[in-house]
Amino acid sequence: MSNIDLKPKAKIKIKVERPKLHKVILVNDDYTPREFVVSVLKAEFRMTEDQATKVMLTAHQRGVCVVGVFTKDVAETKATRATDAGRAKGYPLLFTTEPEE
């Protein structure tokens, strides 16, 4: 007799959780020029002129606007880079992140 194991092997199912998503939020201020905000949105978030203008105006009118939703690392990196772009020019431009509900 050969010693080959003919019993079926148990299949292990690994449940992969989708990574939690985070919102990047543009916070309005009264000092950063609108054109500069639009240029940062276009550069960092790959928006068209139209999309960036709408986001900037929404933040201007409501105080904040969700720019996009990304994985946590991407959201934090984009928010930091966009905020730093404003700081480099002396503007109080601020992008924050928060977990999506």
N, C-alpha and C. Protein backbone atom coordinates (compact mmCIF):
# COMPACT_ATOMS: atom_id res chain seq x y z
N MET A 1 0.83 -1.20 0.00
CA MET A 1 0.00 0.00 0.00
C MET A 1 0.87 1.25 0.00
N SER A 2 0.47 2.25 -0.78
CA SER A 2 1.24 3.49 -0.78
C SER A 2 0.73 4.38 0.35
N ASN A 3 1.56 5.27 0.76
CA ASN A 3 1.15 6.14 1.88
C ASN A 3 0.72 7.53 1.38
N ILE A 4 -0.08 7.56 0.33
CA ILE A 4 -0.62 8.82 -0.20
C ILE A 4 -1.90 9.13 0.56
N ASP A 5 -1.99 10.36 1.04
CA ASP A 5 -3.17 10.80 1.81
C ASP A 5 -4.28 11.19 0.85
N LEU A 6 -5.38 10.44 0.88
CA LEU A 6 -6.48 10.71 -0.04
C LEU A 6 -7.63 11.47 0.62
N LYS A 7 -7.44 11.85 1.88
CA LYS A 7 -8.50 12.60 2.56
C LYS A 7 -8.55 14.03 2.00
N PRO A 8 -9.74 14.57 1.81
CA PRO A 8 -9.82 15.95 1.29
C PRO A 8 -9.24 16.93 2.31
N LYS A 9 -8.53 17.89 1.79
CA LYS A 9 -7.95 18.91 2.67
C LYS A 9 -9.00 19.99 2.94
N ALA A 10 -9.00 20.52 4.14
CA ALA A 10 -9.93 21.59 4.47
C ALA A 10 -9.48 22.86 3.72
N LYS A 11 -10.46 23.50 3.12
CA LYS A 11 -10.13 24.75 2.42
C LYS A 11 -10.19 25.89 3.44
N ILE A 12 -9.17 26.70 3.46
CA ILE A 12 -9.13 27.83 4.38
C ILE A 12 -9.53 29.07 3.59
N LYS A 13 -10.58 29.71 4.07
CA LYS A 13 -11.03 30.92 3.41
C LYS A 13 -10.55 32.11 4.22
N ILE A 14 -9.81 32.97 3.56
CA ILE A 14 -9.31 34.16 4.25
C ILE A 14 -10.22 35.32 3.88
N LYS A 15 -10.77 35.95 4.89
CA LYS A 15 -11.64 37.09 4.65
C LYS A 15 -10.77 38.34 4.62
N VAL A 16 -10.75 38.98 3.47
CA VAL A 16 -9.95 40.18 3.33
C VAL A 16 -10.86 41.38 3.50
N GLU A 17 -10.54 42.19 4.51
CA GLU A 17 -11.35 43.38 4.74
C GLU A 17 -10.87 44.48 3.82
N ARG A 18 -11.82 45.22 3.29
CA ARG A 18 -11.43 46.37 2.48
C ARG A 18 -10.85 47.42 3.41
N PRO A 19 -9.81 48.11 2.97
CA PRO A 19 -9.22 49.12 3.85
C PRO A 19 -10.24 50.23 4.14
N LYS A 20 -10.18 50.75 5.34
CA LYS A 20 -11.07 51.84 5.71
C LYS A 20 -10.70 53.07 4.88
N LEU A 21 -11.72 53.76 4.38
CA LEU A 21 -11.47 54.93 3.56
C LEU A 21 -11.52 56.20 4.39
N HIS A 22 -10.77 57.20 3.94
CA HIS A 22 -10.70 58.49 4.63
C HIS A 22 -11.02 59.61 3.65
N LYS A 23 -11.76 60.59 4.15
CA LYS A 23 -12.10 61.76 3.35
C LYS A 23 -10.99 62.79 3.50
N VAL A 24 -10.67 63.47 2.40
CA VAL A 24 -9.79 64.63 2.46
C VAL A 24 -10.71 65.84 2.39
N ILE A 25 -10.56 66.74 3.34
CA ILE A 25 -11.46 67.89 3.46
C ILE A 25 -10.67 69.19 3.32
N LEU A 26 -11.18 70.07 2.46
CA LEU A 26 -10.62 71.41 2.30
C LEU A 26 -11.34 72.31 3.29
N VAL A 27 -10.55 73.01 4.12
CA VAL A 27 -11.11 73.94 5.10
C VAL A 27 -10.94 75.36 4.57
N ASN A 28 -12.03 76.10 4.51
CA ASN A 28 -11.98 77.46 3.99
C ASN A 28 -11.23 78.40 4.93
N ASP A 29 -10.51 79.34 4.33
CA ASP A 29 -9.92 80.44 5.11
C ASP A 29 -10.13 81.71 4.30
N ASP A 30 -9.93 82.86 4.94
CA ASP A 30 -10.19 84.14 4.26
C ASP A 30 -8.93 84.77 3.67
N TYR A 31 -7.85 84.00 3.58
CA TYR A 31 -6.58 84.59 3.14
C TYR A 31 -5.99 83.95 1.89
N THR A 32 -6.16 82.65 1.73
CA THR A 32 -5.57 81.97 0.58
C THR A 32 -6.34 82.37 -0.69
N PRO A 33 -5.64 82.88 -1.71
CA PRO A 33 -6.33 83.28 -2.94
C PRO A 33 -7.04 82.09 -3.61
N ARG A 34 -8.21 82.35 -4.14
CA ARG A 34 -9.02 81.31 -4.78
C ARG A 34 -8.24 80.61 -5.90
N GLU A 35 -7.53 81.39 -6.69
CA GLU A 35 -6.78 80.83 -7.83
C GLU A 35 -5.72 79.85 -7.33
N PHE A 36 -5.11 80.17 -6.19
CA PHE A 36 -4.09 79.28 -5.63
C PHE A 36 -4.73 77.96 -5.16
N VAL A 37 -5.88 78.06 -4.51
CA VAL A 37 -6.59 76.85 -4.05
C VAL A 37 -6.91 75.97 -5.26
N VAL A 38 -7.41 76.57 -6.32
CA VAL A 38 -7.75 75.82 -7.54
C VAL A 38 -6.49 75.15 -8.10
N SER A 39 -5.38 75.86 -8.12
CA SER A 39 -4.14 75.28 -8.67
C SER A 39 -3.66 74.09 -7.84
N VAL A 40 -3.80 74.16 -6.52
CA VAL A 40 -3.41 73.05 -5.64
C VAL A 40 -4.33 71.85 -5.87
N LEU A 41 -5.63 72.11 -5.98
CA LEU A 41 -6.58 71.02 -6.22
C LEU A 41 -6.29 70.32 -7.54
N LYS A 42 -5.95 71.10 -8.56
CA LYS A 42 -5.63 70.52 -9.86
C LYS A 42 -4.34 69.70 -9.79
N ALA A 43 -3.34 70.22 -9.11
CA ALA A 43 -2.04 69.55 -9.03
C ALA A 43 -2.08 68.30 -8.16
N GLU A 44 -2.61 68.42 -6.96
CA GLU A 44 -2.53 67.32 -6.00
C GLU A 44 -3.66 66.29 -6.15
N PHE A 45 -4.81 66.75 -6.62
CA PHE A 45 -5.96 65.84 -6.69
C PHE A 45 -6.40 65.55 -8.12
N ARG A 46 -5.58 65.99 -9.08
CA ARG A 46 -5.82 65.70 -10.50
C ARG A 46 -7.21 66.12 -10.97
N MET A 47 -7.65 67.29 -10.50
CA MET A 47 -8.96 67.79 -10.89
C MET A 47 -8.85 68.66 -12.14
N THR A 48 -9.96 68.77 -12.85
CA THR A 48 -10.02 69.73 -13.95
C THR A 48 -10.22 71.12 -13.34
N GLU A 49 -10.05 72.14 -14.15
CA GLU A 49 -10.29 73.52 -13.70
C GLU A 49 -11.70 73.65 -13.14
N ASP A 50 -12.67 73.06 -13.85
CA ASP A 50 -14.07 73.11 -13.46
C ASP A 50 -14.32 72.44 -12.11
N GLN A 51 -13.80 71.22 -11.96
CA GLN A 51 -13.99 70.47 -10.71
C GLN A 51 -13.36 71.24 -9.55
N ALA A 52 -12.14 71.71 -9.75
CA ALA A 52 -11.41 72.41 -8.69
C ALA A 52 -12.13 73.69 -8.28
N THR A 53 -12.67 74.40 -9.26
CA THR A 53 -13.40 75.64 -8.96
C THR A 53 -14.65 75.34 -8.14
N LYS A 54 -15.37 74.27 -8.49
CA LYS A 54 -16.58 73.89 -7.74
C LYS A 54 -16.25 73.53 -6.29
N VAL A 55 -15.17 72.75 -6.10
CA VAL A 55 -14.76 72.36 -4.74
C VAL A 55 -14.37 73.60 -3.94
N MET A 56 -13.59 74.48 -4.55
CA MET A 56 -13.15 75.71 -3.86
C MET A 56 -14.35 76.56 -3.47
N LEU A 57 -15.31 76.73 -4.38
CA LEU A 57 -16.49 77.55 -4.08
C LEU A 57 -17.37 76.91 -3.00
N THR A 58 -17.49 75.58 -3.02
CA THR A 58 -18.27 74.89 -1.98
C THR A 58 -17.63 75.12 -0.61
N ALA A 59 -16.31 74.99 -0.54
CA ALA A 59 -15.61 75.23 0.73
C ALA A 59 -15.78 76.69 1.15
N HIS A 60 -15.72 77.59 0.19
CA HIS A 60 -15.88 79.02 0.47
C HIS A 60 -17.26 79.31 1.05
N GLN A 61 -18.29 78.69 0.49
CA GLN A 61 -19.67 78.95 0.93
C GLN A 61 -20.05 78.20 2.20
N ARG A 62 -19.56 76.96 2.35
CA ARG A 62 -19.99 76.13 3.48
C ARG A 62 -18.95 76.00 4.59
N GLY A 63 -17.74 76.48 4.33
CA GLY A 63 -16.69 76.38 5.35
C GLY A 63 -15.77 75.20 5.14
N VAL A 64 -16.31 74.11 4.60
CA VAL A 64 -15.50 72.92 4.30
C VAL A 64 -16.08 72.23 3.07
N CYS A 65 -15.26 71.40 2.42
CA CYS A 65 -15.73 70.61 1.30
C CYS A 65 -14.90 69.34 1.21
N VAL A 66 -15.56 68.20 1.01
CA VAL A 66 -14.83 66.95 0.81
C VAL A 66 -14.22 66.99 -0.59
N VAL A 67 -12.91 66.80 -0.63
CA VAL A 67 -12.18 66.86 -1.90
C VAL A 67 -12.19 65.49 -2.57
N GLY A 68 -12.03 64.44 -1.77
CA GLY A 68 -12.00 63.09 -2.31
C GLY A 68 -11.93 62.07 -1.19
N VAL A 69 -12.07 60.80 -1.56
CA VAL A 69 -12.03 59.71 -0.58
C VAL A 69 -10.98 58.71 -1.04
N PHE A 70 -10.07 58.38 -0.13
CA PHE A 70 -8.91 57.53 -0.46
C PHE A 70 -8.64 56.58 0.70
N THR A 71 -7.70 55.66 0.48
CA THR A 71 -7.24 54.86 1.62
C THR A 71 -6.54 55.83 2.58
N LYS A 72 -6.38 55.42 3.82
CA LYS A 72 -5.85 56.31 4.86
C LYS A 72 -4.50 56.91 4.47
N ASP A 73 -3.56 56.08 4.03
CA ASP A 73 -2.22 56.58 3.68
C ASP A 73 -2.26 57.61 2.56
N VAL A 74 -3.03 57.30 1.53
CA VAL A 74 -3.12 58.21 0.38
C VAL A 74 -3.78 59.53 0.81
N ALA A 75 -4.86 59.43 1.58
CA ALA A 75 -5.56 60.64 2.05
C ALA A 75 -4.62 61.53 2.87
N GLU A 76 -3.89 60.92 3.80
CA GLU A 76 -2.99 61.71 4.65
C GLU A 76 -1.87 62.33 3.85
N THR A 77 -1.33 61.59 2.90
CA THR A 77 -0.24 62.12 2.07
C THR A 77 -0.73 63.29 1.23
N LYS A 78 -1.87 63.14 0.58
CA LYS A 78 -2.40 64.21 -0.26
C LYS A 78 -2.75 65.44 0.57
N ALA A 79 -3.37 65.24 1.72
CA ALA A 79 -3.74 66.37 2.58
C ALA A 79 -2.50 67.12 3.05
N THR A 80 -1.47 66.37 3.43
CA THR A 80 -0.23 66.99 3.90
C THR A 80 0.46 67.77 2.78
N ARG A 81 0.56 67.15 1.61
CA ARG A 81 1.23 67.81 0.49
C ARG A 81 0.49 69.07 0.06
N ALA A 82 -0.85 69.01 0.03
CA ALA A 82 -1.65 70.16 -0.37
C ALA A 82 -1.53 71.30 0.67
N THR A 83 -1.56 70.93 1.95
CA THR A 83 -1.40 71.93 3.02
C THR A 83 -0.01 72.55 2.96
N ASP A 84 1.00 71.70 2.74
CA ASP A 84 2.38 72.19 2.65
C ASP A 84 2.58 73.13 1.47
N ALA A 85 1.86 72.90 0.37
CA ALA A 85 1.96 73.79 -0.80
C ALA A 85 1.52 75.20 -0.41
N GLY A 86 0.47 75.29 0.40
CA GLY A 86 0.00 76.59 0.88
C GLY A 86 1.00 77.23 1.83
N ARG A 87 1.52 76.41 2.76
CA ARG A 87 2.49 76.92 3.74
C ARG A 87 3.74 77.48 3.05
N ALA A 88 4.15 76.81 1.98
CA ALA A 88 5.35 77.23 1.24
C ALA A 88 5.17 78.64 0.66
N LYS A 89 3.93 79.03 0.40
CA LYS A 89 3.64 80.36 -0.14
C LYS A 89 3.17 81.32 0.95
N GLY A 90 3.16 80.83 2.20
CA GLY A 90 2.77 81.69 3.32
C GLY A 90 1.25 81.78 3.53
N TYR A 91 0.50 80.84 2.96
CA TYR A 91 -0.95 80.84 3.12
C TYR A 91 -1.37 79.85 4.20
N PRO A 92 -2.49 80.14 4.89
CA PRO A 92 -2.99 79.21 5.91
C PRO A 92 -3.87 78.09 5.33
N LEU A 93 -3.67 77.76 4.07
CA LEU A 93 -4.45 76.71 3.40
C LEU A 93 -4.40 75.43 4.24
N LEU A 94 -5.57 74.80 4.45
CA LEU A 94 -5.61 73.61 5.29
C LEU A 94 -6.48 72.52 4.69
N PHE A 95 -5.89 71.33 4.60
CA PHE A 95 -6.60 70.13 4.21
C PHE A 95 -6.49 69.17 5.38
N THR A 96 -7.60 68.56 5.78
CA THR A 96 -7.59 67.59 6.87
C THR A 96 -8.14 66.26 6.35
N THR A 97 -8.02 65.23 7.18
CA THR A 97 -8.61 63.93 6.82
C THR A 97 -9.46 63.44 7.98
N GLU A 98 -10.44 62.63 7.64
CA GLU A 98 -11.22 61.96 8.68
C GLU A 98 -11.77 60.66 8.10
N PRO A 99 -11.97 59.66 8.96
CA PRO A 99 -12.48 58.37 8.46
C PRO A 99 -13.87 58.57 7.85
N GLU A 100 -14.12 57.82 6.80
CA GLU A 100 -15.46 57.86 6.21
C GLU A 100 -16.36 56.99 7.05
N GLU A 101 -17.57 57.45 7.29
CA GLU A 101 -18.52 56.70 8.14
C GLU A 101 -18.93 55.40 7.46
